[in-house]
Amino acid sequence: MTDSASITASEKTPTKSVWAPLKHPAFRILVIGNVAILAVAWLMTTLAPEPIMVALLQTAIYLPFVLLSLPAGAIADIFNRRTVLLCAQVWVFIGVIILGLLTINGAMTSWLLLLLLFLVGLGWAMYSPAWNALAPELVPKEELENAIALNAASFNFCRGIGAALGGVVVSGSGPGTAILINAATMLAMLSALIWWKPAPKESYLPAERVVGAMKAGMRYVRHSEALRAVIIKTVVFVACASALWSFLPLMAKQQYGLNAAQYGIVLSLFGVGNLLGATLIPIVRKRLSMDLLFMVSALVFAAAMGALPFIHNFIMACVIMFFAGLVWIMVNAALNAGVLTSVPAWVRARAIAVFLFTFQGCLAGGSLVWGTFASYTSMPIALLTAAALLAVGTFCSAPFKVVSSENSDLRTPRAPEPNIIKDPHPDHGPVLVTVEYLIDPERMSEFRQTMASLEILRRRNGAYQWYLFGDLAKAGRYVETFFVENWGEYLRHMQRGTVDDNNAEKKANEFHLGDGPPPIAHMLAEKRKS
């Protein structure tokens, strides 16, 4: 991957076609390999038609993301992503084969179905952070937003078309056959992963440990204003939108009177809406910012959810799901772009993991909550309540902006070697770093503002207990101090600095009146002898 691949996508409107990323072979074959699990929702409506059981399907599939997203993101950033993807895809393939065989043999029960979906979900949870982190490595930065939209749209389009074909198979041969056919299509993804040869990662530092990498990822998100905004918007949207996926299979069967084939067509129209929405995103982005795109799309989705309880025929269900799919992809594209375009390569999979943890956790928890709520009221009331809350939440979250800055430079140039007389062991620590500034006292206010911004960058990249001390005996003398966990983590702290981070540090250094840059000292804690 070139340095330019990790630069953020421009906030300027993408000018290239949404199909442009497909000219890159690696991206094209991986998109074509996207296939979702089909037929299980319809199977549950036969095994246990209660709203709570159908809603638990979402919980079973997405709960693993709550459990594994964070370690999966750390593993994807530390180890070879191709290996991670292959292992996870094989796990999912085996799980779906077992699911299909048990269904065909009549051995499937509602609770066994939930268990198997949970196990398959574990594989998807390991797979997703690594997969979603690939787009910036496969396409140029000017095509990144389009690649994000096309990736998500292809996933939902394949799911929709597969659901339509699967519905025909379910009607003729039963859900077990449809599940096995879906398992066979997963061979396309395995073939794509075997074919793809990623560039090796280059680092002069030892690999991070998984727990430490998880902590670093969470720390980065905590100190990133852009990522916090994405997380808040995600909670607002997904927690409410999960009601649609919780009730759609049961509403299709009970309220609309659809058979499996018709239900598949409804889902396929959602996928077609996704594909059209992805095509329209470059046009819409000429007029709407990323944040406004999210707001308008979320409100339209709320309207679609609110309309579903009032219809009772197949045609209207198709129309509403088409428009729901059109804006669903726009919401997802805005949120995904908000993540991918605001983080450097070293933490990309971990940032995505936190996003997926939030997204899928809200799907799992929201499905359970809405299913329980519907059991005490009704599905139409639950869906209307979710739609109203989504509309209100969208307006309330407006102060938190989802952005993609054209001026950000997230390349991570190699940091200079620290000025030390010996190389400590990477695990020795903690490390105390001090930077001494001599400034003009009249520029104190400006200096403090600059250092406040620098503090956020230091903490985001691994520092803790950051302080700025003023000398009581000498006006204008200030000492910046912060700790890092150990020497290896300090070297990573330096390596994580982006071009933007380096520019912020240079801005602070410009206040220094002494000869050369501010003196930096590195001190290592001595181990106590018993």
Protein backbone atom coordinates (compact mmCIF):
# COMPACT_ATOMS: atom_id res chain seq x y z
CA MET A 1 0.00 0.00 0.00
CA THR A 2 1.33 3.40 -0.88
CA ASP A 3 1.31 6.25 1.57
CA SER A 4 -1.34 7.99 -0.46
CA ALA A 5 -3.75 5.15 0.13
CA SER A 6 -4.02 6.07 3.77
CA ILE A 7 -4.78 9.74 3.13
CA THR A 8 -8.35 10.69 3.90
CA ALA A 9 -10.92 11.02 1.16
CA SER A 10 -11.67 14.54 0.15
CA GLU A 11 -14.57 16.40 1.65
CA LYS A 12 -15.04 17.70 -1.86
CA THR A 13 -17.72 15.89 -3.73
CA PRO A 14 -16.44 12.73 -5.38
CA THR A 15 -16.34 13.43 -9.09
CA LYS A 16 -15.74 9.90 -10.35
CA SER A 17 -18.44 7.34 -11.04
CA VAL A 18 -19.48 5.06 -8.21
CA TRP A 19 -18.41 2.19 -10.49
CA ALA A 20 -14.83 3.47 -10.79
CA PRO A 21 -13.47 1.30 -7.93
CA LEU A 22 -14.48 -1.82 -9.90
CA LYS A 23 -11.66 -1.25 -12.38
CA HIS A 24 -9.24 -2.34 -9.65
CA PRO A 25 -9.11 -6.17 -9.88
CA ALA A 26 -8.62 -6.87 -6.16
CA PHE A 27 -11.58 -4.71 -5.18
CA ARG A 28 -13.76 -6.10 -7.98
CA ILE A 29 -13.34 -9.76 -7.12
CA LEU A 30 -13.76 -9.19 -3.39
CA VAL A 31 -16.99 -7.24 -3.96
CA ILE A 32 -18.35 -9.95 -6.24
CA GLY A 33 -17.55 -12.51 -3.55
CA ASN A 34 -19.87 -10.86 -1.01
CA VAL A 35 -22.75 -13.17 -0.04
CA ALA A 36 -24.93 -13.18 3.08
CA ILE A 37 -26.74 -15.96 4.93
CA LEU A 38 -30.20 -16.44 3.41
CA ALA A 39 -33.45 -18.27 4.21
CA VAL A 40 -32.95 -18.50 7.99
CA ALA A 41 -35.41 -15.72 8.81
CA TRP A 42 -38.13 -17.49 6.85
CA LEU A 43 -37.17 -20.77 8.51
CA MET A 44 -37.71 -19.21 11.94
CA THR A 45 -41.20 -18.02 10.97
CA THR A 46 -42.02 -21.70 10.48
CA LEU A 47 -40.23 -23.08 13.54
CA ALA A 48 -41.35 -20.38 16.00
CA PRO A 49 -43.56 -17.60 14.59
CA GLU A 50 -43.58 -15.49 17.78
CA PRO A 51 -42.18 -11.94 17.33
CA ILE A 52 -39.60 -12.40 20.08
CA MET A 53 -38.14 -15.54 18.44
CA VAL A 54 -37.91 -13.96 14.98
CA ALA A 55 -36.34 -10.87 16.55
CA LEU A 56 -33.80 -13.07 18.36
CA LEU A 57 -32.41 -14.06 14.95
CA GLN A 58 -30.84 -10.61 14.72
CA THR A 59 -29.52 -10.93 18.25
CA ALA A 60 -27.98 -14.35 17.56
CA ILE A 61 -26.25 -13.12 14.41
CA TYR A 62 -24.98 -9.81 15.76
CA LEU A 63 -24.23 -10.56 19.41
CA PRO A 64 -20.85 -12.09 18.40
CA PHE A 65 -19.87 -8.66 17.07
CA VAL A 66 -20.34 -7.28 20.57
CA LEU A 67 -18.11 -10.01 21.97
CA LEU A 68 -15.39 -10.21 19.30
CA SER A 69 -15.26 -6.96 17.32
CA LEU A 70 -12.59 -5.30 19.46
CA PRO A 71 -10.14 -8.24 19.55
CA ALA A 72 -10.90 -8.93 15.88
CA GLY A 73 -9.96 -5.37 14.98
CA ALA A 74 -6.72 -5.61 16.94
CA ILE A 75 -5.86 -8.93 15.29
CA ALA A 76 -6.59 -7.48 11.83
CA ASP A 77 -4.20 -4.57 12.47
CA ILE A 78 -1.46 -6.79 13.92
CA PHE A 79 -1.49 -9.89 11.73
CA ASN A 80 -1.77 -10.60 8.01
CA ARG A 81 -5.33 -9.62 7.04
CA ARG A 82 -5.54 -12.19 4.27
CA THR A 83 -4.89 -15.00 6.75
CA VAL A 84 -7.46 -13.59 9.16
CA LEU A 85 -10.05 -13.35 6.37
CA LEU A 86 -9.39 -16.88 5.13
CA CYS A 87 -9.69 -18.47 8.58
CA ALA A 88 -12.88 -16.58 9.37
CA GLN A 89 -14.46 -17.38 5.99
CA VAL A 90 -13.71 -21.11 6.37
CA TRP A 91 -15.34 -21.04 9.83
CA VAL A 92 -18.48 -19.41 8.39
CA PHE A 93 -18.56 -21.84 5.47
CA ILE A 94 -18.44 -24.88 7.76
CA GLY A 95 -21.13 -23.39 10.02
CA VAL A 96 -23.51 -22.74 7.12
CA ILE A 97 -22.97 -26.27 5.77
CA ILE A 98 -23.94 -27.74 9.16
CA LEU A 99 -26.94 -25.41 9.31
CA GLY A 100 -28.17 -26.55 5.90
CA LEU A 101 -27.66 -30.27 6.49
CA LEU A 102 -29.52 -30.23 9.81
CA THR A 103 -32.40 -28.32 8.20
CA ILE A 104 -32.69 -30.76 5.29
CA ASN A 105 -32.69 -33.74 7.68
CA GLY A 106 -35.49 -32.21 9.77
CA ALA A 107 -33.32 -31.97 12.87
CA MET A 108 -33.52 -28.19 13.19
CA THR A 109 -35.26 -26.52 16.12
CA SER A 110 -35.69 -22.83 16.86
CA TRP A 111 -33.10 -22.81 19.66
CA LEU A 112 -30.62 -24.91 17.68
CA LEU A 113 -31.02 -22.45 14.81
CA LEU A 114 -30.18 -19.56 17.13
CA LEU A 115 -27.12 -21.42 18.45
CA LEU A 116 -25.78 -22.17 14.97
CA LEU A 117 -26.37 -18.60 13.84
CA PHE A 118 -24.44 -17.41 16.88
CA LEU A 119 -21.51 -19.67 15.93
CA VAL A 120 -21.61 -18.44 12.33
CA GLY A 121 -21.77 -14.90 13.68
CA LEU A 122 -18.49 -15.49 15.51
CA GLY A 123 -16.83 -16.02 12.14
CA TRP A 124 -18.42 -12.90 10.66
CA ALA A 125 -17.31 -10.90 13.69
CA MET A 126 -13.68 -11.94 13.10
CA TYR A 127 -14.01 -11.33 9.37
CA SER A 128 -15.69 -7.92 9.23
CA PRO A 129 -13.04 -5.55 10.68
CA ALA A 130 -10.33 -6.95 8.40
CA TRP A 131 -12.61 -6.85 5.35
CA ASN A 132 -13.88 -3.32 5.94
CA ALA A 133 -10.33 -2.03 6.45
CA LEU A 134 -9.31 -3.15 2.96
CA ALA A 135 -10.99 -0.49 0.82
CA PRO A 136 -8.28 2.20 1.33
CA GLU A 137 -5.66 -0.40 0.38
CA LEU A 138 -7.39 -1.39 -2.86
CA VAL A 139 -8.45 1.95 -4.39
CA PRO A 140 -7.01 5.49 -4.65
CA LYS A 141 -8.17 8.04 -2.09
CA GLU A 142 -10.30 9.98 -4.59
CA GLU A 143 -12.41 6.83 -5.13
CA LEU A 144 -12.61 5.81 -1.47
CA GLU A 145 -16.08 7.17 -0.70
CA ASN A 146 -17.47 5.51 -3.83
CA ALA A 147 -15.73 2.25 -2.95
CA ILE A 148 -17.28 2.30 0.53
CA ALA A 149 -20.75 2.83 -0.91
CA LEU A 150 -20.30 0.20 -3.63
CA ASN A 151 -18.96 -2.35 -1.14
CA ALA A 152 -21.96 -1.97 1.13
CA ALA A 153 -24.39 -1.82 -1.79
CA SER A 154 -22.98 -4.96 -3.39
CA PHE A 155 -23.38 -6.80 -0.10
CA ASN A 156 -27.03 -5.83 0.24
CA PHE A 157 -27.73 -6.24 -3.48
CA CYS A 158 -26.32 -9.77 -3.43
CA ARG A 159 -28.37 -10.43 -0.30
CA GLY A 160 -31.51 -9.09 -1.96
CA ILE A 161 -31.10 -10.96 -5.26
CA GLY A 162 -30.03 -14.05 -3.34
CA ALA A 163 -33.11 -13.72 -1.18
CA ALA A 164 -35.34 -13.59 -4.26
CA LEU A 165 -33.72 -16.70 -5.72
CA GLY A 166 -33.61 -18.26 -2.27
CA GLY A 167 -37.31 -17.57 -1.84
CA VAL A 168 -38.04 -19.60 -4.96
CA VAL A 169 -35.85 -22.41 -3.67
CA VAL A 170 -37.49 -22.25 -0.24
CA SER A 171 -40.92 -22.50 -1.84
CA GLY A 172 -39.87 -25.46 -3.99
CA SER A 173 -37.22 -27.33 -2.02
CA GLY A 174 -37.27 -25.88 1.49
CA PRO A 175 -34.93 -23.56 3.41
CA GLY A 176 -32.26 -26.23 3.88
CA THR A 177 -31.52 -26.36 0.16
CA ALA A 178 -31.40 -22.56 -0.02
CA ILE A 179 -28.90 -22.47 2.85
CA LEU A 180 -26.65 -25.05 1.16
CA ILE A 181 -26.77 -23.13 -2.12
CA ASN A 182 -25.68 -20.04 -0.20
CA ALA A 183 -22.82 -22.03 1.31
CA ALA A 184 -21.70 -22.96 -2.19
CA THR A 185 -21.60 -19.29 -3.20
CA MET A 186 -19.18 -18.64 -0.35
CA LEU A 187 -16.57 -20.50 -2.38
CA ALA A 188 -16.36 -17.34 -4.52
CA MET A 189 -15.11 -15.35 -1.55
CA LEU A 190 -12.64 -18.08 -0.59
CA SER A 191 -11.33 -18.07 -4.16
CA ALA A 192 -11.02 -14.28 -4.10
CA LEU A 193 -9.04 -14.37 -0.87
CA ILE A 194 -6.72 -17.09 -2.17
CA TRP A 195 -6.13 -15.06 -5.35
CA TRP A 196 -5.49 -11.76 -3.57
CA LYS A 197 -1.86 -11.07 -2.59
CA PRO A 198 -1.62 -8.06 -0.24
CA ALA A 199 1.56 -6.06 0.15
CA PRO A 200 3.49 -7.08 3.29
CA LYS A 201 3.41 -4.75 6.26
CA GLU A 202 6.65 -2.94 6.97
CA SER A 203 7.63 -2.08 10.53
CA TYR A 204 10.90 -1.99 12.42
CA LEU A 205 9.06 -2.58 15.71
CA PRO A 206 7.89 -5.87 17.24
CA ALA A 207 4.20 -6.64 16.76
CA GLU A 208 1.78 -5.30 19.34
CA ARG A 209 0.09 -7.66 21.76
CA VAL A 210 -3.64 -8.11 21.24
CA VAL A 211 -4.71 -6.62 24.59
CA GLY A 212 -2.39 -3.64 24.17
CA ALA A 213 -3.63 -3.13 20.62
CA MET A 214 -7.24 -3.16 21.83
CA LYS A 215 -6.41 -0.52 24.45
CA ALA A 216 -4.68 1.60 21.81
CA GLY A 217 -7.70 1.39 19.53
CA MET A 218 -10.16 2.37 22.26
CA ARG A 219 -7.88 5.21 23.32
CA TYR A 220 -7.73 6.53 19.77
CA VAL A 221 -11.51 6.53 19.44
CA ARG A 222 -11.94 8.22 22.82
CA HIS A 223 -9.71 11.12 21.79
CA SER A 224 -11.02 11.48 18.21
CA GLU A 225 -13.86 13.96 17.85
CA ALA A 226 -14.71 12.68 14.35
CA LEU A 227 -15.05 9.07 15.52
CA ARG A 228 -17.11 10.01 18.57
CA ALA A 229 -19.60 11.75 16.27
CA VAL A 230 -19.87 8.64 14.09
CA ILE A 231 -20.48 6.43 17.13
CA ILE A 232 -23.25 8.70 18.44
CA LYS A 233 -24.97 8.82 15.04
CA THR A 234 -24.66 5.04 14.74
CA VAL A 235 -26.37 4.43 18.08
CA VAL A 236 -29.21 6.78 17.17
CA PHE A 237 -29.84 5.21 13.78
CA VAL A 238 -29.22 1.50 14.32
CA ALA A 239 -30.95 1.14 17.69
CA CYS A 240 -34.18 2.36 16.06
CA ALA A 241 -33.70 0.87 12.59
CA SER A 242 -33.20 -2.59 14.09
CA ALA A 243 -36.98 -2.76 14.60
CA LEU A 244 -37.48 -3.08 10.84
CA TRP A 245 -35.22 -6.13 10.55
CA SER A 246 -36.73 -7.65 13.67
CA PHE A 247 -40.30 -7.66 12.35
CA LEU A 248 -40.03 -7.75 8.56
CA PRO A 249 -40.11 -11.58 8.13
CA LEU A 250 -43.12 -11.97 10.42
CA MET A 251 -44.97 -8.95 9.00
CA ALA A 252 -44.40 -10.28 5.49
CA LYS A 253 -45.98 -13.59 6.41
CA GLN A 254 -48.76 -12.52 8.77
CA GLN A 255 -49.71 -8.95 7.77
CA TYR A 256 -48.96 -8.97 4.04
CA GLY A 257 -49.72 -12.65 3.44
CA LEU A 258 -46.56 -13.24 1.42
CA ASN A 259 -44.98 -16.56 0.62
CA ALA A 260 -41.24 -17.21 0.70
CA ALA A 261 -40.73 -16.24 -2.95
CA GLN A 262 -42.59 -12.94 -2.50
CA TYR A 263 -40.62 -12.17 0.65
CA GLY A 264 -37.43 -12.74 -1.32
CA ILE A 265 -38.61 -10.24 -3.93
CA VAL A 266 -39.28 -7.66 -1.19
CA LEU A 267 -35.70 -8.08 0.01
CA SER A 268 -34.39 -7.95 -3.55
CA LEU A 269 -36.09 -4.56 -4.03
CA PHE A 270 -34.25 -3.38 -0.92
CA GLY A 271 -31.03 -4.52 -2.59
CA VAL A 272 -31.91 -2.78 -5.85
CA GLY A 273 -32.58 0.39 -3.85
CA ASN A 274 -29.14 -0.04 -2.30
CA LEU A 275 -27.50 -0.25 -5.69
CA LEU A 276 -29.34 2.81 -7.02
CA GLY A 277 -28.53 4.71 -3.83
CA ALA A 278 -24.84 3.94 -4.23
CA THR A 279 -25.02 5.20 -7.82
CA LEU A 280 -26.67 8.44 -6.70
CA ILE A 281 -24.25 9.19 -3.86
CA PRO A 282 -21.67 11.05 -6.03
CA ILE A 283 -24.49 13.21 -7.42
CA VAL A 284 -26.08 13.86 -4.02
CA ARG A 285 -22.69 14.70 -2.49
CA LYS A 286 -22.38 17.63 -4.89
CA ARG A 287 -25.22 19.26 -2.97
CA LEU A 288 -25.11 17.76 0.51
CA SER A 289 -22.32 17.43 3.04
CA MET A 290 -21.65 14.05 4.59
CA ASP A 291 -23.53 15.05 7.73
CA LEU A 292 -26.56 16.41 5.89
CA LEU A 293 -26.64 13.26 3.75
CA PHE A 294 -26.91 11.23 6.95
CA MET A 295 -29.69 13.40 8.38
CA VAL A 296 -31.89 13.41 5.27
CA SER A 297 -31.42 9.68 4.68
CA ALA A 298 -32.18 8.79 8.31
CA LEU A 299 -35.40 10.81 8.23
CA VAL A 300 -36.54 9.14 5.00
CA PHE A 301 -35.79 5.73 6.53
CA ALA A 302 -37.86 6.68 9.58
CA ALA A 303 -40.74 7.59 7.27
CA ALA A 304 -40.45 4.23 5.49
CA MET A 305 -40.57 2.37 8.81
CA GLY A 306 -43.56 4.39 9.90
CA ALA A 307 -45.41 3.55 6.67
CA LEU A 308 -44.99 -0.23 6.85
CA PRO A 309 -47.70 -0.86 9.52
CA PHE A 310 -50.30 0.88 7.33
CA ILE A 311 -49.90 -1.23 4.21
CA HIS A 312 -51.36 -4.66 3.55
CA ASN A 313 -50.25 -5.67 0.07
CA PHE A 314 -47.22 -6.96 -1.74
CA ILE A 315 -46.73 -4.07 -4.20
CA MET A 316 -46.62 -1.35 -1.54
CA ALA A 317 -44.23 -3.42 0.57
CA CYS A 318 -41.89 -3.62 -2.44
CA VAL A 319 -42.09 0.14 -3.06
CA ILE A 320 -41.39 1.06 0.56
CA MET A 321 -38.50 -1.40 0.87
CA PHE A 322 -37.01 -0.02 -2.36
CA PHE A 323 -36.88 3.50 -0.91
CA ALA A 324 -35.71 2.13 2.45
CA GLY A 325 -32.82 0.43 0.66
CA LEU A 326 -31.99 3.59 -1.27
CA VAL A 327 -31.48 5.66 1.90
CA TRP A 328 -30.08 2.80 4.01
CA ILE A 329 -27.00 2.68 1.80
CA MET A 330 -26.58 6.45 2.06
CA VAL A 331 -26.66 6.30 5.86
CA ASN A 332 -24.19 3.43 5.88
CA ALA A 333 -21.92 5.12 3.36
CA ALA A 334 -21.84 8.32 5.43
CA LEU A 335 -21.04 6.46 8.66
CA ASN A 336 -18.43 4.17 7.09
CA ALA A 337 -16.75 7.04 5.27
CA GLY A 338 -16.74 8.99 8.53
CA VAL A 339 -14.66 6.20 10.05
CA LEU A 340 -12.37 5.25 7.18
CA THR A 341 -11.48 8.80 6.17
CA SER A 342 -10.59 9.98 9.67
CA VAL A 343 -8.08 7.36 10.86
CA PRO A 344 -4.53 6.45 9.79
CA ALA A 345 -3.69 2.97 8.55
CA TRP A 346 -2.17 1.71 11.81
CA VAL A 347 -5.47 1.86 13.69
CA ARG A 348 -7.95 1.50 10.82
CA ALA A 349 -9.23 -2.01 11.57
CA ARG A 350 -9.55 -1.19 15.28
CA ALA A 351 -11.56 1.95 14.56
CA ILE A 352 -13.80 -0.09 12.28
CA ALA A 353 -14.10 -2.71 15.02
CA VAL A 354 -15.39 -0.11 17.47
CA PHE A 355 -17.85 1.07 14.82
CA LEU A 356 -18.99 -2.51 14.15
CA PHE A 357 -19.20 -3.19 17.88
CA THR A 358 -21.59 -0.26 18.14
CA PHE A 359 -23.50 -1.01 14.94
CA GLN A 360 -24.01 -4.72 15.48
CA GLY A 361 -24.45 -4.33 19.23
CA CYS A 362 -27.31 -1.92 18.62
CA LEU A 363 -28.79 -4.35 16.09
CA ALA A 364 -28.59 -7.21 18.58
CA GLY A 365 -29.79 -5.23 21.59
CA GLY A 366 -32.35 -3.27 19.61
CA SER A 367 -33.84 -6.44 18.14
CA LEU A 368 -34.25 -7.90 21.62
CA VAL A 369 -35.77 -4.69 23.00
CA TRP A 370 -38.19 -4.18 20.11
CA GLY A 371 -39.15 -7.85 20.07
CA THR A 372 -39.95 -7.73 23.77
CA PHE A 373 -41.83 -4.45 23.35
CA ALA A 374 -43.90 -5.95 20.52
CA SER A 375 -44.78 -8.96 22.67
CA TYR A 376 -46.45 -6.60 25.16
CA THR A 377 -47.99 -4.30 22.53
CA SER A 378 -47.95 -5.23 18.84
CA MET A 379 -45.57 -5.16 15.90
CA PRO A 380 -47.19 -2.07 14.29
CA ILE A 381 -46.99 -0.09 17.55
CA ALA A 382 -43.35 -1.11 18.07
CA LEU A 383 -42.44 -0.14 14.51
CA LEU A 384 -44.18 3.24 14.77
CA THR A 385 -42.45 3.92 18.09
CA ALA A 386 -39.05 3.09 16.58
CA ALA A 387 -39.73 5.37 13.59
CA ALA A 388 -40.70 8.27 15.86
CA LEU A 389 -37.62 7.81 18.05
CA LEU A 390 -35.39 7.69 14.97
CA ALA A 391 -36.77 11.01 13.71
CA VAL A 392 -36.34 12.68 17.11
CA GLY A 393 -32.89 11.18 17.64
CA THR A 394 -31.70 12.33 14.23
CA PHE A 395 -32.47 15.95 15.08
CA CYS A 396 -31.02 15.64 18.59
CA SER A 397 -27.73 14.26 17.24
CA ALA A 398 -27.32 17.13 14.74
CA PRO A 399 -24.60 18.91 16.80
CA PHE A 400 -22.31 15.89 16.29
CA LYS A 401 -21.01 16.25 12.74
CA VAL A 402 -19.94 13.39 10.47
CA VAL A 403 -17.19 14.89 8.30
CA SER A 404 -14.52 13.96 5.79
CA SER A 405 -11.82 16.64 5.65
CA GLU A 406 -10.06 17.47 2.40
CA ASN A 407 -7.11 18.98 4.28
CA SER A 408 -6.20 15.99 6.47
CA ASP A 409 -2.99 14.12 5.72
CA LEU A 410 -3.02 10.78 7.54
CA ARG A 411 0.21 9.38 6.16
CA THR A 412 2.56 8.18 8.87
CA PRO A 413 6.14 9.06 7.90
CA ARG A 414 8.90 7.27 9.75
CA ALA A 415 9.70 9.11 12.96
CA PRO A 416 13.25 10.22 13.81
CA GLU A 417 15.24 8.05 16.19
CA PRO A 418 15.16 9.26 19.83
CA ASN A 419 18.40 10.75 21.18
CA ILE A 420 19.46 8.07 23.70
CA ILE A 421 22.72 6.36 24.66
CA LYS A 422 21.28 2.84 25.01
CA ASP A 423 18.30 0.90 23.70
CA PRO A 424 16.00 -0.24 26.51
CA HIS A 425 14.04 -3.47 26.31
CA PRO A 426 10.67 -2.81 24.62
CA ASP A 427 8.78 -4.03 27.72
CA HIS A 428 10.63 -1.79 30.19
CA GLY A 429 8.71 1.19 31.49
CA PRO A 430 6.99 3.41 32.15
CA VAL A 431 8.73 6.08 30.12
CA LEU A 432 8.62 9.75 31.12
CA VAL A 433 9.03 12.21 28.25
CA THR A 434 9.71 15.90 28.86
CA VAL A 435 9.79 18.75 26.33
CA GLU A 436 11.11 22.12 27.52
CA TYR A 437 9.80 25.34 25.95
CA LEU A 438 11.02 28.90 26.42
CA ILE A 439 8.32 31.23 25.08
CA ASP A 440 7.36 34.87 24.93
CA PRO A 441 5.07 35.46 27.97
CA GLU A 442 2.88 37.76 25.86
CA ARG A 443 1.95 34.77 23.69
CA MET A 444 0.85 32.69 26.67
CA SER A 445 -2.82 32.38 25.68
CA GLU A 446 -2.01 31.28 22.14
CA PHE A 447 0.59 28.81 23.43
CA ARG A 448 -1.87 27.20 25.84
CA GLN A 449 -4.44 26.71 23.09
CA THR A 450 -1.85 25.07 20.88
CA MET A 451 -0.68 22.80 23.69
CA ALA A 452 -4.27 21.80 24.48
CA SER A 453 -4.60 20.53 20.92
CA LEU A 454 -1.23 18.81 21.18
CA GLU A 455 -2.36 17.07 24.38
CA ILE A 456 -5.21 15.39 22.49
CA LEU A 457 -2.79 14.11 19.85
CA ARG A 458 -0.35 12.82 22.46
CA ARG A 459 -3.08 10.96 24.36
CA ARG A 460 -4.63 9.60 21.16
CA ASN A 461 -1.31 8.06 20.12
CA GLY A 462 -0.54 6.43 23.47
CA ALA A 463 0.44 8.99 26.12
CA TYR A 464 -1.14 9.33 29.56
CA GLN A 465 -0.78 11.67 32.55
CA TRP A 466 -0.03 14.61 30.27
CA TYR A 467 0.83 17.90 32.02
CA LEU A 468 2.14 21.34 31.16
CA PHE A 469 4.19 22.84 33.99
CA GLY A 470 5.19 26.50 34.30
CA ASP A 471 8.43 27.54 36.00
CA LEU A 472 7.68 29.74 39.05
CA ALA A 473 11.20 31.19 38.98
CA LYS A 474 11.52 31.95 35.27
CA ALA A 475 8.78 33.59 33.22
CA GLY A 476 8.09 31.93 29.89
CA ARG A 477 9.70 28.57 30.77
CA TYR A 478 7.30 25.63 30.39
CA VAL A 479 7.85 21.90 30.54
CA GLU A 480 5.50 19.47 28.83
CA THR A 481 5.49 16.00 30.41
CA PHE A 482 3.70 12.76 29.64
CA PHE A 483 4.08 9.07 30.35
CA VAL A 484 4.00 6.10 27.97
CA GLU A 485 3.47 2.53 29.18
CA ASN A 486 6.85 1.12 28.07
CA TRP A 487 9.68 1.78 25.65
CA GLY A 488 8.16 -0.30 22.85
CA GLU A 489 4.90 1.60 23.18
CA TYR A 490 6.80 4.91 23.08
CA LEU A 491 8.45 3.93 19.79
CA ARG A 492 5.00 3.07 18.45
CA HIS A 493 3.73 6.39 19.80
CA MET A 494 6.31 8.13 17.62
CA GLN A 495 5.61 5.91 14.62
CA ARG A 496 1.85 6.58 14.84
CA GLY A 497 2.23 10.29 14.27
CA THR A 498 0.63 11.43 11.01
CA VAL A 499 1.73 14.34 8.84
CA ASP A 500 -1.02 16.39 10.49
CA ASP A 501 0.25 15.39 13.94
CA ASN A 502 3.78 16.40 12.99
CA ASN A 503 2.52 19.77 11.75
CA ALA A 504 0.74 20.34 15.07
CA GLU A 505 3.97 19.56 16.91
CA LYS A 506 5.90 21.94 14.66
CA LYS A 507 3.35 24.65 15.46
CA ALA A 508 4.04 24.18 19.18
CA ASN A 509 7.79 24.21 18.55
CA GLU A 510 7.51 27.58 16.80
CA PHE A 511 6.79 29.21 20.17
CA HIS A 512 10.21 28.14 21.44
CA LEU A 513 12.70 31.03 21.59
CA GLY A 514 15.85 29.00 22.20
CA ASP A 515 18.36 27.75 19.67
CA GLY A 516 16.97 24.82 17.72
CA PRO A 517 13.88 22.81 18.64
CA PRO A 518 12.74 22.41 22.27
CA PRO A 519 14.97 19.94 24.17
CA ILE A 520 13.39 16.49 24.61
CA ALA A 521 14.38 14.12 27.40
CA HIS A 522 13.45 10.44 27.78
CA MET A 523 13.55 8.88 31.25
CA LEU A 524 12.94 5.24 32.08
CA ALA A 525 11.64 4.11 35.47
CA GLU A 526 14.20 2.13 37.44
CA LYS A 527 13.11 -1.24 38.76
CA ARG A 528 13.11 -1.47 42.53
CA LYS A 529 15.38 -4.09 44.01
CA SER A 530 13.89 -6.16 46.81
